[in-house]
Amino acid sequence: MNTKLKNIGFISTRLCGTDGVSLETAKWAKIFEEEGHLCFYMAGELDTPPQRSLLVKEAHFKHPVIREIFNECFNSVRVRKPSTTKKIHEIKNTLKEKIYKFIKDFEIDIIIPENALAIPLNIPLGLAITEVIAETGIPTIAHHHDFFWERKRFLTNAVWDYLNMAFPPHLPSIQHVVINSSADNQLSLRTGISATIIPNVMDFDNPPKIDEYSSDIREALGLKDDELLILQPTRVVKRKGIEHSIELVKRLGMKAKLVISHASGDEGYEYEQRVKEYSSMMGVDTLFVSDIIKPYRGKTEDGKKIYTPQDIYTHADLVTYPSNFEGFGNAFLEA
C-alpha cells in the first residue's frame, strides 16, 4: 500500500454510543489520526465530527424499512417473498449512491466497513458496500467483530444467497480483520478467506483515574455511602447473562445496587423487561443508566451530567460480567 497520508472512510450501521463496534472504531480512528491520516464516517447514527460525517438514515438497523426486511428474512423464515427481494434491491441502490457520494465528497482512499460485512442486521448495506468494492476495487479493511454464524437468530433465514455474497464478501481488494483466533479459524473454514487478527485495543499506559468531574457519580446514581456499586458494563441482551449478576447481588446479602451502564441495542427490549421483572422478583435494586453513560462527558438535554464508562469503572466496588459468550470481551480487560 502507498505510504502517503490517506483519507480513511469508516462505514457502519451506527457509529455512536458505547457499543463495542463504535468504541473500537473511535480507537482505530485515533491511532490513524495520530499517524497523520484523516478519518471520515458514514452511518445511520453518528456522534462523530459533523464536518467529516455523512448521516444516511437507511444505513441504520433501526430504520423502519430495514427492520421490515430483517423480519421478512429471519425469525424462522426460510423462503423470501419477491416483494422482499425488490425492497432489498431498492434500498441497496439508494445506499450505493450514498457510498459513492461519501467516497467522492471526502476523497476517500480506503474504506473500513465496521461489522457491516459480518452481521446482517442491514442486508442492503452489506450488499451495497460489496458492490461498490467490486465496481471500484477501492482498498478495503473489513473489520469483523462477530459473524452471523455465531448468533442463533441468524441461522434460520431466507437470505443465504446474500449471506454468501456479502457477509463477508471474497474480493481481491479487501483485507479482512478479525478480533480473535476463533473467528479467524471459522472464517477460513467456512469461506476460505484468510484474515489478520487484531485484538481490541486498550490504552494500558493511561488507566482511568478518579478526578473531580466523576467524584459525584455515586450521588448522581442515588447510592448511599454504605451501598455497594456493582457494575454490569454491558448492553442488555440475552447472551450477557444478567440474571446471574442479579442472583449474585441477592446472595451477597449486602446493601448494593446493580448498575447496568449500556442500553439494549439491536436485539429488542424483551430481555430488558425480563431483567427488570427478575430484579423485582429477587428484590435487587437494578439501575439502567445508559442515558448518562456515553463515550464523552457532557450534559443531557435535561441538564444531567454525562459520565464515561471509564468514570463509572473507577467507582465500582465489583464488576459483574457473566456473559454466555463474547466476540472479544472488552469489559473484562477494562475492569
Protein backbone atom coordinates (compact mmCIF):
# COMPACT_ATOMS: atom_id res chain seq x y z
CA MET A 1 0.00 0.00 0.00
CA ASN A 2 1.15 3.54 -0.77
CA THR A 3 2.56 5.10 2.39
CA LYS A 4 1.29 8.63 1.71
CA LEU A 5 -1.29 10.02 4.10
CA LYS A 6 -4.78 8.69 3.43
CA ASN A 7 -8.38 9.75 3.77
CA ILE A 8 -9.97 6.81 5.58
CA GLY A 9 -13.73 6.22 5.49
CA PHE A 10 -15.44 4.20 8.22
CA ILE A 11 -18.84 2.76 7.22
CA SER A 12 -21.27 1.09 9.62
CA THR A 13 -24.89 0.91 10.69
CA ARG A 14 -24.15 3.01 13.77
CA LEU A 15 -21.06 4.85 14.98
CA CYS A 16 -22.44 6.32 18.14
CA GLY A 17 -22.59 5.48 21.83
CA THR A 18 -20.88 2.86 23.95
CA ASP A 19 -21.35 -0.35 21.95
CA GLY A 20 -18.15 -2.25 21.21
CA VAL A 21 -18.06 -1.51 17.48
CA SER A 22 -18.41 2.24 17.99
CA LEU A 23 -15.80 2.33 20.75
CA GLU A 24 -13.27 0.28 18.77
CA THR A 25 -13.85 2.42 15.69
CA ALA A 26 -13.03 5.51 17.74
CA LYS A 27 -9.80 3.86 18.94
CA TRP A 28 -8.75 2.95 15.40
CA ALA A 29 -9.55 6.46 14.20
CA LYS A 30 -7.47 7.98 16.99
CA ILE A 31 -4.47 5.84 16.03
CA PHE A 32 -4.84 6.64 12.32
CA GLU A 33 -5.06 10.36 13.04
CA GLU A 34 -2.03 10.25 15.31
CA GLU A 35 -0.20 8.90 12.24
CA GLY A 36 -1.41 11.89 10.21
CA HIS A 37 -4.30 10.31 8.29
CA LEU A 38 -7.78 11.87 8.15
CA CYS A 39 -10.84 9.86 9.17
CA PHE A 40 -14.40 10.22 7.87
CA TYR A 41 -17.61 8.48 8.85
CA MET A 42 -20.81 7.21 7.23
CA ALA A 43 -23.57 5.52 9.25
CA GLY A 44 -27.23 5.65 10.20
CA GLU A 45 -26.42 7.22 13.58
CA LEU A 46 -23.31 9.25 14.34
CA ASP A 47 -21.66 11.19 17.15
CA THR A 48 -18.56 11.91 15.05
CA PRO A 49 -17.42 15.38 13.84
CA PRO A 50 -20.22 16.67 11.54
CA GLN A 51 -17.79 18.17 9.03
CA ARG A 52 -16.32 14.70 8.47
CA SER A 53 -19.53 12.70 8.57
CA LEU A 54 -22.32 11.60 6.26
CA LEU A 55 -25.53 10.58 8.01
CA VAL A 56 -27.56 8.08 5.97
CA LYS A 57 -30.74 7.04 7.75
CA GLU A 58 -31.19 3.89 5.65
CA ALA A 59 -27.85 2.61 6.95
CA HIS A 60 -29.25 2.18 10.47
CA PHE A 61 -30.54 -1.25 11.50
CA LYS A 62 -33.42 0.54 13.27
CA HIS A 63 -34.68 2.22 10.08
CA PRO A 64 -38.32 1.10 9.61
CA VAL A 65 -37.78 -0.44 6.16
CA ILE A 66 -34.58 -2.20 7.29
CA ARG A 67 -36.50 -3.66 10.23
CA GLU A 68 -39.22 -4.84 7.85
CA ILE A 69 -36.62 -6.53 5.67
CA PHE A 70 -34.99 -8.16 8.68
CA ASN A 71 -38.30 -9.53 9.96
CA GLU A 72 -39.18 -10.86 6.49
CA CYS A 73 -35.81 -12.62 6.14
CA PHE A 74 -35.14 -14.01 9.61
CA ASN A 75 -37.33 -15.02 12.58
CA SER A 76 -37.73 -18.65 11.38
CA VAL A 77 -38.46 -17.57 7.79
CA ARG A 78 -36.96 -19.87 5.13
CA VAL A 79 -38.47 -18.55 1.88
CA ARG A 80 -38.23 -14.95 0.70
CA LYS A 81 -41.11 -13.13 -0.98
CA PRO A 82 -40.42 -11.43 -4.34
CA SER A 83 -41.60 -8.17 -2.77
CA THR A 84 -38.89 -8.51 -0.11
CA THR A 85 -36.22 -9.05 -2.76
CA LYS A 86 -37.44 -5.93 -4.57
CA LYS A 87 -37.34 -3.94 -1.35
CA ILE A 88 -33.79 -5.11 -0.59
CA HIS A 89 -32.52 -4.04 -4.00
CA GLU A 90 -34.27 -0.66 -3.89
CA ILE A 91 -32.64 0.23 -0.56
CA LYS A 92 -29.33 -1.27 -1.72
CA ASN A 93 -29.29 1.04 -4.73
CA THR A 94 -30.05 4.07 -2.55
CA LEU A 95 -27.20 3.12 -0.22
CA LYS A 96 -24.81 2.57 -3.13
CA GLU A 97 -25.45 6.13 -4.30
CA LYS A 98 -24.72 7.41 -0.78
CA ILE A 99 -21.50 5.39 -0.53
CA TYR A 100 -20.32 6.73 -3.88
CA LYS A 101 -21.16 10.26 -2.67
CA PHE A 102 -19.25 9.63 0.57
CA ILE A 103 -16.18 8.43 -1.33
CA LYS A 104 -16.32 11.34 -3.80
CA ASP A 105 -17.11 14.19 -1.39
CA PHE A 106 -14.41 13.23 1.12
CA GLU A 107 -11.94 11.91 -1.47
CA ILE A 108 -11.75 8.59 0.39
CA ASP A 109 -8.69 6.42 -0.31
CA ILE A 110 -9.55 3.45 1.93
CA ILE A 111 -12.86 2.28 3.36
CA ILE A 112 -13.23 0.36 6.62
CA PRO A 113 -16.64 -1.31 6.97
CA GLU A 114 -17.15 -1.84 10.71
CA ASN A 115 -19.04 -5.11 11.19
CA ALA A 116 -21.32 -4.16 8.27
CA LEU A 117 -19.98 -7.15 6.28
CA ALA A 118 -20.23 -9.61 9.17
CA ILE A 119 -23.61 -9.23 10.90
CA PRO A 120 -26.65 -8.95 8.55
CA LEU A 121 -28.71 -6.52 10.59
CA ASN A 122 -28.82 -4.35 7.48
CA ILE A 123 -28.69 -6.63 4.43
CA PRO A 124 -28.96 -3.83 1.83
CA LEU A 125 -26.00 -2.02 3.39
CA GLY A 126 -23.80 -5.12 3.19
CA LEU A 127 -24.80 -5.68 -0.43
CA ALA A 128 -24.23 -2.02 -1.30
CA ILE A 129 -20.75 -1.97 0.23
CA THR A 130 -19.86 -5.24 -1.52
CA GLU A 131 -20.98 -3.98 -4.93
CA VAL A 132 -19.13 -0.66 -4.53
CA ILE A 133 -15.93 -2.55 -3.68
CA ALA A 134 -16.43 -4.88 -6.65
CA GLU A 135 -17.10 -1.96 -9.01
CA THR A 136 -14.24 0.28 -7.87
CA GLY A 137 -11.59 -2.01 -6.40
CA ILE A 138 -11.20 0.53 -3.60
CA PRO A 139 -8.75 -0.69 -0.93
CA THR A 140 -10.80 -2.02 1.96
CA ILE A 141 -10.14 -3.19 5.50
CA ALA A 142 -13.20 -5.19 6.53
CA HIS A 143 -13.19 -5.09 10.34
CA HIS A 144 -15.28 -8.01 11.61
CA HIS A 145 -16.25 -8.03 15.30
CA ASP A 146 -18.58 -11.04 15.17
CA PHE A 147 -20.11 -13.16 12.41
CA PHE A 148 -23.70 -14.15 11.71
CA TRP A 149 -22.95 -17.85 12.28
CA GLU A 150 -22.15 -17.02 15.91
CA ARG A 151 -25.77 -15.95 16.54
CA LYS A 152 -28.62 -18.48 16.52
CA ARG A 153 -31.16 -15.90 15.41
CA PHE A 154 -29.45 -15.57 12.02
CA LEU A 155 -29.13 -19.27 11.20
CA THR A 156 -32.71 -19.82 10.04
CA ASN A 157 -33.20 -17.37 7.22
CA ALA A 158 -34.32 -16.72 3.65
CA VAL A 159 -31.18 -14.91 2.50
CA TRP A 160 -28.41 -17.50 2.20
CA ASP A 161 -27.65 -16.13 -1.26
CA TYR A 162 -26.96 -12.68 0.19
CA LEU A 163 -25.08 -14.00 3.21
CA ASN A 164 -22.75 -15.97 0.94
CA MET A 165 -22.24 -12.94 -1.28
CA ALA A 166 -21.65 -10.18 1.25
CA PHE A 167 -21.25 -11.42 4.84
CA PRO A 168 -18.36 -11.31 4.24
CA PRO A 169 -17.51 -10.92 0.54
CA HIS A 170 -14.46 -12.56 -1.00
CA LEU A 171 -12.93 -9.81 -3.17
CA PRO A 172 -9.28 -9.11 -4.04
CA SER A 173 -9.14 -5.54 -2.71
CA ILE A 174 -10.40 -6.49 0.76
CA GLN A 175 -8.10 -7.20 3.70
CA HIS A 176 -10.16 -8.95 6.37
CA VAL A 177 -9.51 -8.26 10.06
CA VAL A 178 -10.95 -10.28 12.94
CA ILE A 179 -10.60 -9.74 16.67
CA ASN A 180 -9.81 -13.26 17.89
CA SER A 181 -8.30 -16.54 16.70
CA SER A 182 -11.60 -18.45 16.84
CA ALA A 183 -13.15 -16.03 14.35
CA ASP A 184 -10.06 -16.38 12.17
CA ASN A 185 -10.36 -20.18 12.15
CA GLN A 186 -14.10 -20.17 11.44
CA LEU A 187 -13.80 -17.58 8.68
CA SER A 188 -11.14 -19.66 6.96
CA LEU A 189 -13.05 -22.94 7.35
CA ARG A 190 -16.39 -21.55 6.19
CA THR A 191 -15.30 -19.24 3.37
CA GLY A 192 -11.65 -19.89 2.53
CA ILE A 193 -10.87 -16.30 3.46
CA SER A 194 -7.68 -15.62 5.40
CA ALA A 195 -7.68 -12.76 7.88
CA THR A 196 -5.38 -10.74 10.09
CA ILE A 197 -6.04 -10.92 13.83
CA ILE A 198 -6.05 -7.52 15.53
CA PRO A 199 -7.40 -7.81 19.08
CA ASN A 200 -9.40 -4.96 20.54
CA VAL A 201 -7.03 -2.38 21.94
CA MET A 202 -6.70 -0.77 25.37
CA ASP A 203 -4.50 2.10 26.48
CA PHE A 204 -2.88 0.29 29.39
CA ASP A 205 -0.30 3.07 29.80
CA ASN A 206 -3.04 5.52 30.79
CA PRO A 207 -5.56 3.83 33.08
CA PRO A 208 -8.62 5.90 34.09
CA LYS A 209 -8.34 7.84 37.33
CA ILE A 210 -10.85 9.35 39.73
CA ASP A 211 -10.98 13.09 39.15
CA GLU A 212 -13.16 15.97 40.32
CA TYR A 213 -15.61 15.59 37.44
CA SER A 214 -16.53 11.99 38.26
CA SER A 215 -16.31 12.35 42.04
CA ASP A 216 -20.10 12.78 42.35
CA ILE A 217 -21.10 9.78 40.25
CA ARG A 218 -22.30 7.69 43.20
CA GLU A 219 -24.51 10.57 44.31
CA ALA A 220 -25.82 11.01 40.75
CA LEU A 221 -26.77 7.32 40.71
CA GLY A 222 -28.56 7.62 44.05
CA LEU A 223 -26.17 5.39 46.02
CA LYS A 224 -25.84 5.84 49.75
CA ASP A 225 -22.44 5.80 51.45
CA ASP A 226 -22.98 2.29 52.79
CA GLU A 227 -24.18 0.81 49.48
CA LEU A 228 -22.00 -1.14 47.06
CA LEU A 229 -21.88 -0.09 43.41
CA ILE A 230 -21.94 -3.35 41.46
CA LEU A 231 -21.39 -2.62 37.79
CA GLN A 232 -22.69 -4.62 34.82
CA PRO A 233 -20.81 -2.84 31.96
CA THR A 234 -22.68 -4.43 29.04
CA ARG A 235 -25.63 -4.00 26.76
CA VAL A 236 -28.90 -5.52 27.94
CA VAL A 237 -29.01 -8.55 25.65
CA LYS A 238 -29.67 -12.19 26.50
CA ARG A 239 -26.16 -13.52 25.92
CA LYS A 240 -24.81 -11.19 28.64
CA GLY A 241 -26.41 -13.42 31.30
CA ILE A 242 -27.51 -10.54 33.53
CA GLU A 243 -29.74 -12.88 35.56
CA HIS A 244 -26.55 -14.28 37.09
CA SER A 245 -25.49 -10.80 38.20
CA ILE A 246 -28.88 -10.27 39.83
CA GLU A 247 -28.58 -13.59 41.65
CA LEU A 248 -25.07 -12.70 42.82
CA VAL A 249 -26.21 -9.39 44.28
CA LYS A 250 -29.07 -11.17 46.04
CA ARG A 251 -26.76 -13.83 47.50
CA LEU A 252 -24.26 -11.24 48.74
CA GLY A 253 -26.82 -10.18 51.31
CA MET A 254 -25.32 -6.67 51.46
CA LYS A 255 -26.64 -3.22 50.68
CA ALA A 256 -25.96 -2.82 46.98
CA LYS A 257 -27.26 -1.54 43.68
CA LEU A 258 -26.68 -3.29 40.36
CA VAL A 259 -25.86 -0.61 37.79
CA ILE A 260 -26.22 -1.50 34.09
CA SER A 261 -24.32 1.01 32.01
CA HIS A 262 -25.44 0.22 28.43
CA ALA A 263 -28.75 0.15 26.57
CA SER A 264 -30.49 -2.81 24.94
CA GLY A 265 -29.22 -2.18 21.40
CA ASP A 266 -30.15 -4.21 18.33
CA GLU A 267 -31.83 -7.25 19.90
CA GLY A 268 -35.06 -5.66 21.12
CA TYR A 269 -36.35 -4.78 24.56
CA GLU A 270 -37.97 -8.04 25.65
CA TYR A 271 -34.87 -9.11 27.56
CA GLU A 272 -34.62 -5.73 29.30
CA GLN A 273 -38.19 -6.19 30.54
CA ARG A 274 -37.30 -9.69 31.71
CA VAL A 275 -34.29 -8.33 33.64
CA LYS A 276 -36.49 -5.69 35.29
CA GLU A 277 -39.07 -8.27 36.31
CA TYR A 278 -36.43 -10.67 37.62
CA SER A 279 -34.75 -7.88 39.60
CA SER A 280 -38.08 -7.03 41.19
CA MET A 281 -38.80 -10.68 41.98
CA MET A 282 -35.36 -11.10 43.58
CA GLY A 283 -35.57 -7.81 45.47
CA VAL A 284 -32.44 -6.41 43.80
CA ASP A 285 -32.27 -2.67 43.12
CA THR A 286 -31.18 -2.52 39.47
CA LEU A 287 -30.43 0.77 37.72
CA PHE A 288 -30.44 1.26 33.94
CA VAL A 289 -28.25 4.30 33.37
CA SER A 290 -27.36 4.31 29.66
CA ASP A 291 -28.84 7.82 29.39
CA ILE A 292 -25.94 9.25 31.42
CA ILE A 293 -23.13 6.88 30.38
CA LYS A 294 -21.73 7.91 27.00
CA PRO A 295 -18.35 7.88 25.21
CA TYR A 296 -17.79 11.56 26.08
CA ARG A 297 -18.58 13.74 29.07
CA GLY A 298 -21.22 16.45 28.75
CA LYS A 299 -24.84 17.18 29.63
CA THR A 300 -28.12 15.54 28.68
CA GLU A 301 -30.91 17.65 27.19
CA ASP A 302 -32.49 17.97 30.64
CA GLY A 303 -29.20 19.07 32.22
CA LYS A 304 -27.98 15.81 33.78
CA LYS A 305 -24.25 15.21 33.89
CA ILE A 306 -22.94 12.64 31.40
CA TYR A 307 -20.16 10.29 32.51
CA THR A 308 -17.96 7.92 30.50
CA PRO A 309 -17.60 4.16 31.04
CA GLN A 310 -14.12 4.89 32.45
CA ASP A 311 -15.67 7.20 35.05
CA ILE A 312 -18.03 4.54 36.38
CA TYR A 313 -15.38 1.79 36.38
CA THR A 314 -13.24 3.78 38.81
CA HIS A 315 -16.11 3.97 41.32
CA ALA A 316 -17.32 0.37 41.06
CA ASP A 317 -16.87 -1.91 44.08
CA LEU A 318 -17.41 -5.02 41.94
CA VAL A 319 -17.77 -5.64 38.21
CA THR A 320 -20.02 -8.47 37.00
CA TYR A 321 -19.52 -9.99 33.57
CA PRO A 322 -21.26 -13.39 33.34
CA SER A 323 -21.67 -13.49 29.54
CA ASN A 324 -22.50 -16.77 27.84
CA PHE A 325 -20.12 -15.84 25.02
CA GLU A 326 -18.33 -12.75 23.70
CA GLY A 327 -16.68 -11.66 20.48
CA PHE A 328 -13.74 -10.30 22.43
CA GLY A 329 -14.73 -9.20 25.91
CA ASN A 330 -13.63 -5.59 26.30
CA ALA A 331 -15.24 -5.23 29.70
CA PHE A 332 -13.05 -7.94 31.22
CA LEU A 333 -9.89 -6.01 30.33
CA GLU A 334 -11.40 -2.62 31.11
CA ALA A 335 -12.37 -3.76 34.60
